[in-house]
Every structure is written in structure tokens, then in C-alpha cells.
PDB file of N, CA and C in Angstrom:
ATOM      1  N   GLY A   1     140.010  60.863  28.425  1.00  0.00           N
ATOM      2  CA  GLY A   1     140.717  61.232  29.603  1.00  0.00           C
ATOM      3  C   GLY A   1     140.825  62.717  29.818  1.00  0.00           C
ATOM      4  N   ARG A   2     139.880  63.503  29.311  1.00  0.00           N
ATOM      5  CA  ARG A   2     139.954  64.949  29.525  1.00  0.00           C
ATOM      6  C   ARG A   2     138.897  65.390  30.531  1.00  0.00           C
ATOM      7  N   VAL A   3     139.277  66.304  31.374  1.00  0.00           N
ATOM      8  CA  VAL A   3     138.344  66.891  32.340  1.00  0.00           C
ATOM      9  C   VAL A   3     138.565  68.396  32.343  1.00  0.00           C
ATOM     10  N   SER A   4     137.608  69.116  32.888  1.00  0.00           N
ATOM     11  CA  SER A   4     137.761  70.565  32.976  1.00  0.00           C
ATOM     12  C   SER A   4     138.880  70.908  33.953  1.00  0.00           C
ATOM     13  N   ARG A   5     139.468  72.055  33.764  1.00  0.00           N
ATOM     14  CA  ARG A   5     140.546  72.498  34.654  1.00  0.00           C
ATOM     15  C   ARG A   5     140.084  72.583  36.105  1.00  0.00           C
ATOM     16  N   PRO A   6     138.874  73.103  36.405  1.00  0.00           N
ATOM     17  CA  PRO A   6     138.444  73.137  37.802  1.00  0.00           C
ATOM     18  C   PRO A   6     138.294  71.740  38.424  1.00  0.00           C
ATOM     19  N   LEU A   7     137.859  70.759  37.634  1.00  0.00           N
ATOM     20  CA  LEU A   7     137.747  69.395  38.170  1.00  0.00           C
ATOM     21  C   LEU A   7     139.139  68.805  38.399  1.00  0.00           C
ATOM     22  N   ALA A   8     140.042  69.048  37.471  1.00  0.00           N
ATOM     23  CA  ALA A   8     141.424  68.593  37.653  1.00  0.00           C
ATOM     24  C   ALA A   8     142.047  69.244  38.884  1.00  0.00           C
ATOM     25  N   ALA A   9     141.754  70.532  39.093  1.00  0.00           N
ATOM     26  CA  ALA A   9     142.287  71.233  40.262  1.00  0.00           C
ATOM     27  C   ALA A   9     141.742  70.632  41.551  1.00  0.00           C
ATOM     28  N   LEU A  10     140.462  70.247  41.551  1.00  0.00           N
ATOM     29  CA  LEU A  10     139.883  69.595  42.730  1.00  0.00           C
ATOM     30  C   LEU A  10     140.617  68.285  43.019  1.00  0.00           C
ATOM     31  N   ALA A  11     140.858  67.507  41.990  1.00  0.00           N
ATOM     32  CA  ALA A  11     141.573  66.243  42.173  1.00  0.00           C
ATOM     33  C   ALA A  11     142.993  66.484  42.696  1.00  0.00           C
ATOM     34  N   GLU A  12     143.651  67.504  42.166  1.00  0.00           N
ATOM     35  CA  GLU A  12     145.013  67.817  42.613  1.00  0.00           C
ATOM     36  C   GLU A  12     145.023  68.252  44.075  1.00  0.00           C
ATOM     37  N   VAL A  13     144.064  69.095  44.450  1.00  0.00           N
ATOM     38  CA  VAL A  13     143.987  69.562  45.840  1.00  0.00           C
ATOM     39  C   VAL A  13     143.668  68.393  46.759  1.00  0.00           C
ATOM     40  N   ARG A  14     142.750  67.538  46.334  1.00  0.00           N
ATOM     41  CA  ARG A  14     142.348  66.389  47.159  1.00  0.00           C
ATOM     42  C   ARG A  14     143.505  65.419  47.358  1.00  0.00           C
ATOM     43  N   ALA A  15     144.355  65.300  46.365  1.00  0.00           N
ATOM     44  CA  ALA A  15     145.496  64.384  46.453  1.00  0.00           C
ATOM     45  C   ALA A  15     146.656  64.986  47.237  1.00  0.00           C
ATOM     46  N   ALA A  16     146.630  66.291  47.442  1.00  0.00           N
ATOM     47  CA  ALA A  16     147.724  66.977  48.131  1.00  0.00           C
ATOM     48  C   ALA A  16     147.590  66.834  49.645  1.00  0.00           C
ATOM     49  N   ALA A  17     148.520  67.415  50.327  1.00  0.00           N
ATOM     50  CA  ALA A  17     148.519  67.379  51.786  1.00  0.00           C
ATOM     51  C   ALA A  17     147.297  68.096  52.350  1.00  0.00           C
ATOM     52  N   PRO A  18     146.825  67.675  53.527  1.00  0.00           N
ATOM     53  CA  PRO A  18     145.699  68.368  54.170  1.00  0.00           C
ATOM     54  C   PRO A  18     146.006  69.851  54.364  1.00  0.00           C
ATOM     55  N   GLY A  19     144.958  70.642  54.364  1.00  0.00           N
ATOM     56  CA  GLY A  19     145.142  72.068  54.551  1.00  0.00           C
ATOM     57  C   GLY A  19     145.190  72.853  53.255  1.00  0.00           C
ATOM     58  N   ARG A  20     145.191  72.160  52.131  1.00  0.00           N
ATOM     59  CA  ARG A  20     145.170  72.858  50.850  1.00  0.00           C
ATOM     60  C   ARG A  20     143.807  73.507  50.666  1.00  0.00           C
ATOM     61  N   ASP A  21     143.631  74.269  49.635  1.00  0.00           N
ATOM     62  CA  ASP A  21     142.409  75.048  49.434  1.00  0.00           C
ATOM     63  C   ASP A  21     141.288  74.210  48.807  1.00  0.00           C
ATOM     64  N   LEU A  22     140.794  73.209  49.550  1.00  0.00           N
ATOM     65  CA  LEU A  22     139.720  72.362  49.061  1.00  0.00           C
ATOM     66  C   LEU A  22     138.443  73.171  48.871  1.00  0.00           C
ATOM     67  N   ASP A  23     138.130  74.073  49.806  1.00  0.00           N
ATOM     68  CA  ASP A  23     136.933  74.911  49.679  1.00  0.00           C
ATOM     69  C   ASP A  23     136.992  75.764  48.415  1.00  0.00           C
ATOM     70  N   GLY A  24     138.133  76.358  48.162  1.00  0.00           N
ATOM     71  CA  GLY A  24     138.285  77.189  46.960  1.00  0.00           C
ATOM     72  C   GLY A  24     138.123  76.382  45.689  1.00  0.00           C
ATOM     73  N   ALA A  25     138.701  75.192  45.670  1.00  0.00           N
ATOM     74  CA  ALA A  25     138.576  74.332  44.489  1.00  0.00           C
ATOM     75  C   ALA A  25     137.124  73.938  44.264  1.00  0.00           C
ATOM     76  N   LEU A  26     136.408  73.630  45.343  1.00  0.00           N
ATOM     77  CA  LEU A  26     134.990  73.288  45.216  1.00  0.00           C
ATOM     78  C   LEU A  26     134.177  74.485  44.738  1.00  0.00           C
ATOM     79  N   ARG A  27     134.476  75.666  45.232  1.00  0.00           N
ATOM     80  CA  ARG A  27     133.744  76.869  44.811  1.00  0.00           C
ATOM     81  C   ARG A  27     133.972  77.163  43.324  1.00  0.00           C
ATOM     82  N   ARG A  28     135.215  77.005  42.867  1.00  0.00           N
ATOM     83  CA  ARG A  28     135.499  77.237  41.448  1.00  0.00           C
ATOM     84  C   ARG A  28     134.776  76.213  40.580  1.00  0.00           C
ATOM     85  N   LEU A  29     134.721  74.983  41.022  1.00  0.00           N
ATOM     86  CA  LEU A  29     134.018  73.948  40.270  1.00  0.00           C
ATOM     87  C   LEU A  29     132.512  74.195  40.303  1.00  0.00           C
ATOM     88  N   ALA A  30     131.979  74.625  41.434  1.00  0.00           N
ATOM     89  CA  ALA A  30     130.544  74.889  41.571  1.00  0.00           C
ATOM     90  C   ALA A  30     130.093  76.051  40.688  1.00  0.00           C
ATOM     91  N   ALA A  31     131.008  76.907  40.290  1.00  0.00           N
ATOM     92  CA  ALA A  31     130.658  78.061  39.462  1.00  0.00           C
ATOM     93  C   ALA A  31     130.386  77.677  38.007  1.00  0.00           C
ATOM     94  N   ILE A  32     130.630  76.425  37.645  1.00  0.00           N
ATOM     95  CA  ILE A  32     130.408  75.975  36.270  1.00  0.00           C
ATOM     96  C   ILE A  32     128.945  75.594  36.088  1.00  0.00           C
ATOM     97  N   GLY A  33     128.294  76.233  35.131  1.00  0.00           N
ATOM     98  CA  GLY A  33     126.911  75.905  34.800  1.00  0.00           C
ATOM     99  C   GLY A  33     125.947  76.135  35.955  1.00  0.00           C
ATOM    100  N   HIS A  34     124.733  75.622  35.776  1.00  0.00           N
ATOM    101  CA  HIS A  34     123.720  75.748  36.825  1.00  0.00           C
ATOM    102  C   HIS A  34     123.982  74.734  37.934  1.00  0.00           C
ATOM    103  N   SER A  35     124.214  73.482  37.546  1.00  0.00           N
ATOM    104  CA  SER A  35     124.534  72.443  38.536  1.00  0.00           C
ATOM    105  C   SER A  35     125.633  71.509  38.048  1.00  0.00           C
ATOM    106  N   SER A  36     126.158  71.754  36.862  1.00  0.00           N
ATOM    107  CA  SER A  36     127.155  70.854  36.281  1.00  0.00           C
ATOM    108  C   SER A  36     128.408  70.720  37.130  1.00  0.00           C
ATOM    109  N   GLY A  37     128.875  71.819  37.686  1.00  0.00           N
ATOM    110  CA  GLY A  37     130.083  71.777  38.509  1.00  0.00           C
ATOM    111  C   GLY A  37     129.884  70.946  39.767  1.00  0.00           C
ATOM    112  N   LEU A  38     128.746  71.149  40.431  1.00  0.00           N
ATOM    113  CA  LEU A  38     128.468  70.360  41.637  1.00  0.00           C
ATOM    114  C   LEU A  38     128.201  68.903  41.287  1.00  0.00           C
ATOM    115  N   ASP A  39     127.591  68.660  40.119  1.00  0.00           N
ATOM    116  CA  ASP A  39     127.392  67.285  39.663  1.00  0.00           C
ATOM    117  C   ASP A  39     128.742  66.598  39.456  1.00  0.00           C
ATOM    118  N   ALA A  40     129.682  67.330  38.864  1.00  0.00           N
ATOM    119  CA  ALA A  40     131.021  66.777  38.645  1.00  0.00           C
ATOM    120  C   ALA A  40     131.714  66.482  39.972  1.00  0.00           C
ATOM    121  N   ALA A  41     131.570  67.392  40.938  1.00  0.00           N
ATOM    122  CA  ALA A  41     132.178  67.176  42.254  1.00  0.00           C
ATOM    123  C   ALA A  41     131.561  65.962  42.944  1.00  0.00           C
ATOM    124  N   THR A  42     130.244  65.834  42.839  1.00  0.00           N
ATOM    125  CA  THR A  42     129.564  64.675  43.433  1.00  0.00           C
ATOM    126  C   THR A  42     130.072  63.391  42.813  1.00  0.00           C
ATOM    127  N   GLY A  43     130.166  63.368  41.500  1.00  0.00           N
ATOM    128  CA  GLY A  43     130.689  62.188  40.814  1.00  0.00           C
ATOM    129  C   GLY A  43     132.124  61.885  41.200  1.00  0.00           C
ATOM    130  N   PHE A  44     132.923  62.929  41.336  1.00  0.00           N
ATOM    131  CA  PHE A  44     134.323  62.744  41.733  1.00  0.00           C
ATOM    132  C   PHE A  44     134.423  62.087  43.106  1.00  0.00           C
ATOM    133  N   PHE A  45     133.687  62.640  44.084  1.00  0.00           N
ATOM    134  CA  PHE A  45     133.768  62.091  45.434  1.00  0.00           C
ATOM    135  C   PHE A  45     133.113  60.716  45.535  1.00  0.00           C
ATOM    136  N   TYR A  46     132.015  60.504  44.832  1.00  0.00           N
ATOM    137  CA  TYR A  46     131.380  59.184  44.821  1.00  0.00           C
ATOM    138  C   TYR A  46     132.339  58.159  44.221  1.00  0.00           C
ATOM    139  N   GLY A  47     132.965  58.528  43.114  1.00  0.00           N
ATOM    140  CA  GLY A  47     133.936  57.631  42.486  1.00  0.00           C
ATOM    141  C   GLY A  47     135.103  57.314  43.412  1.00  0.00           C
ATOM    142  N   ALA A  48     135.566  58.314  44.157  1.00  0.00           N
ATOM    143  CA  ALA A  48     136.669  58.091  45.095  1.00  0.00           C
ATOM    144  C   ALA A  48     136.268  57.119  46.190  1.00  0.00           C
ATOM    145  N   ILE A  49     135.028  57.218  46.648  1.00  0.00           N
ATOM    146  CA  ILE A  49     134.539  56.300  47.686  1.00  0.00           C
ATOM    147  C   ILE A  49     134.428  54.891  47.131  1.00  0.00           C
ATOM    148  N   VAL A  50     133.827  54.760  45.958  1.00  0.00           N
ATOM    149  CA  VAL A  50     133.646  53.446  45.354  1.00  0.00           C
ATOM    150  C   VAL A  50     134.992  52.813  45.026  1.00  0.00           C
ATOM    151  N   TRP A  51     135.918  53.607  44.526  1.00  0.00           N
ATOM    152  CA  TRP A  51     137.233  53.097  44.131  1.00  0.00           C
ATOM    153  C   TRP A  51     137.960  52.490  45.332  1.00  0.00           C
ATOM    154  N   ARG A  52     137.781  53.088  46.509  1.00  0.00           N
ATOM    155  CA  ARG A  52     138.484  52.616  47.702  1.00  0.00           C
ATOM    156  C   ARG A  52     137.730  51.530  48.455  1.00  0.00           C
ATOM    157  N   ALA A  53     136.432  51.372  48.210  1.00  0.00           N
ATOM    158  CA  ALA A  53     135.629  50.405  48.963  1.00  0.00           C
ATOM    159  C   ALA A  53     135.880  48.999  48.445  1.00  0.00           C
ATOM    160  N   PRO A  54     136.330  48.106  49.318  1.00  0.00           N
ATOM    161  CA  PRO A  54     136.530  46.729  48.877  1.00  0.00           C
ATOM    162  C   PRO A  54     135.173  46.041  48.690  1.00  0.00           C
ATOM    163  N   LEU A  55     135.056  45.280  47.635  1.00  0.00           N
ATOM    164  CA  LEU A  55     133.826  44.540  47.375  1.00  0.00           C
ATOM    165  C   LEU A  55     134.051  43.064  47.667  1.00  0.00           C
ATOM    166  N   ALA A  56     133.118  42.451  48.400  1.00  0.00           N
ATOM    167  CA  ALA A  56     133.206  41.020  48.670  1.00  0.00           C
ATOM    168  C   ALA A  56     133.072  40.248  47.358  1.00  0.00           C
ATOM    169  N   SER A  57     132.188  40.730  46.503  1.00  0.00           N
ATOM    170  CA  SER A  57     132.022  40.140  45.177  1.00  0.00           C
ATOM    171  C   SER A  57     131.539  41.234  44.248  1.00  0.00           C
ATOM    172  N   PRO A  58     131.779  41.079  42.955  1.00  0.00           N
ATOM    173  CA  PRO A  58     131.337  42.116  42.033  1.00  0.00           C
ATOM    174  C   PRO A  58     129.815  42.250  42.047  1.00  0.00           C
ATOM    175  N   PRO A  59     129.294  43.463  41.930  1.00  0.00           N
ATOM    176  CA  PRO A  59     127.843  43.628  41.892  1.00  0.00           C
ATOM    177  C   PRO A  59     127.270  42.987  40.635  1.00  0.00           C
ATOM    178  N   THR A  60     126.178  42.272  40.796  1.00  0.00           N
ATOM    179  CA  THR A  60     125.536  41.629  39.652  1.00  0.00           C
ATOM    180  C   THR A  60     124.037  41.831  39.732  1.00  0.00           C
ATOM    181  N   ILE A  61     123.386  41.691  38.621  1.00  0.00           N
ATOM    182  CA  ILE A  61     121.935  41.707  38.584  1.00  0.00           C
ATOM    183  C   ILE A  61     121.523  40.638  37.576  1.00  0.00           C
ATOM    184  N   SER A  62     120.611  39.799  37.987  1.00  0.00           N
ATOM    185  CA  SER A  62     120.205  38.699  37.105  1.00  0.00           C
ATOM    186  C   SER A  62     119.136  39.171  36.136  1.00  0.00           C
ATOM    187  N   VAL A  63     118.927  38.380  35.093  1.00  0.00           N
ATOM    188  CA  VAL A  63     117.874  38.682  34.131  1.00  0.00           C
ATOM    189  C   VAL A  63     116.525  38.693  34.840  1.00  0.00           C
ATOM    190  N   ALA A  64     116.322  37.790  35.782  1.00  0.00           N
ATOM    191  CA  ALA A  64     115.057  37.736  36.541  1.00  0.00           C
ATOM    192  C   ALA A  64     114.864  39.031  37.320  1.00  0.00           C
ATOM    193  N   ASP A  65     115.917  39.560  37.934  1.00  0.00           N
ATOM    194  CA  ASP A  65     115.826  40.807  38.684  1.00  0.00           C
ATOM    195  C   ASP A  65     115.420  41.954  37.766  1.00  0.00           C
ATOM    196  N   ARG A  66     116.015  42.013  36.579  1.00  0.00           N
ATOM    197  CA  ARG A  66     115.687  43.075  35.630  1.00  0.00           C
ATOM    198  C   ARG A  66     114.248  42.943  35.152  1.00  0.00           C
ATOM    199  N   SER A  67     113.807  41.719  34.895  1.00  0.00           N
ATOM    200  CA  SER A  67     112.432  41.500  34.439  1.00  0.00           C
ATOM    201  C   SER A  67     111.443  41.937  35.506  1.00  0.00           C
ATOM    202  N   ALA A  68     111.719  41.623  36.766  1.00  0.00           N
ATOM    203  CA  ALA A  68     110.839  42.018  37.852  1.00  0.00           C
ATOM    204  C   ALA A  68     110.789  43.529  37.987  1.00  0.00           C
ATOM    205  N   ALA A  69     111.899  44.192  37.804  1.00  0.00           N
ATOM    206  CA  ALA A  69     111.938  45.646  37.914  1.00  0.00           C
ATOM    207  C   ALA A  69     111.084  46.284  36.814  1.00  0.00           C
ATOM    208  N   VAL A  70     111.134  45.730  35.612  1.00  0.00           N
ATOM    209  CA  VAL A  70     110.335  46.275  34.517  1.00  0.00           C
ATOM    210  C   VAL A  70     108.846  46.015  34.777  1.00  0.00           C
ATOM    211  N   THR A  71     108.525  44.804  35.258  1.00  0.00           N
ATOM    212  CA  THR A  71     107.138  44.436  35.499  1.00  0.00           C
ATOM    213  C   THR A  71     106.514  45.260  36.616  1.00  0.00           C
ATOM    214  N   THR A  72     107.270  45.449  37.691  1.00  0.00           N
ATOM    215  CA  THR A  72     106.711  46.148  38.863  1.00  0.00           C
ATOM    216  C   THR A  72     106.946  47.651  38.799  1.00  0.00           C
ATOM    217  N   GLY A  73     107.782  48.080  37.875  1.00  0.00           N
ATOM    218  CA  GLY A  73     108.096  49.500  37.789  1.00  0.00           C
ATOM    219  C   GLY A  73     109.106  49.944  38.811  1.00  0.00           C
ATOM    220  N   ALA A  74     109.807  48.992  39.444  1.00  0.00           N
ATOM    221  CA  ALA A  74     110.806  49.319  40.469  1.00  0.00           C
ATOM    222  C   ALA A  74     112.062  49.851  39.846  1.00  0.00           C
TER     223      ALA A  74
END
């Protein structure tokens, strides 16, 4: 359950009232590594979207689907 301070700050800003310094939080996170900070931000926002999206049924993949993917290279 540990994250970098800039990622935690992004989450805090995102959870706060509109008008907070979201751009600044993203810039501070983007300054980490070559692309690690932006990768973390992408994962954060993707996770937020997935977490809120209702699923009709849980995603599944059958053994046949996996076998076909290996065979066809898909």
C-alpha cells in the first residue's frame, strides 16, 4: 500500500474540490523518471475509470480463447 508522494498528491488533489492544482500535481508526477511518472498517472486514471465502470458480468477468458491466441499469435 505504498505509493510515491507525487502520486499520493495527485490522488489527494483529484479527490478534492474542483479547482485544485491538478495540473501542478500532474507536472510533479511527470517529473519522475523518463516516463515512470506519466505511466503512474495513466494507471491511476485508468484504474479510476475501471473502478467506477459497472460491469454486466466479470471479464472472463476461456481456455479455448487463450489457446487460439497462442496459436494465431493474437
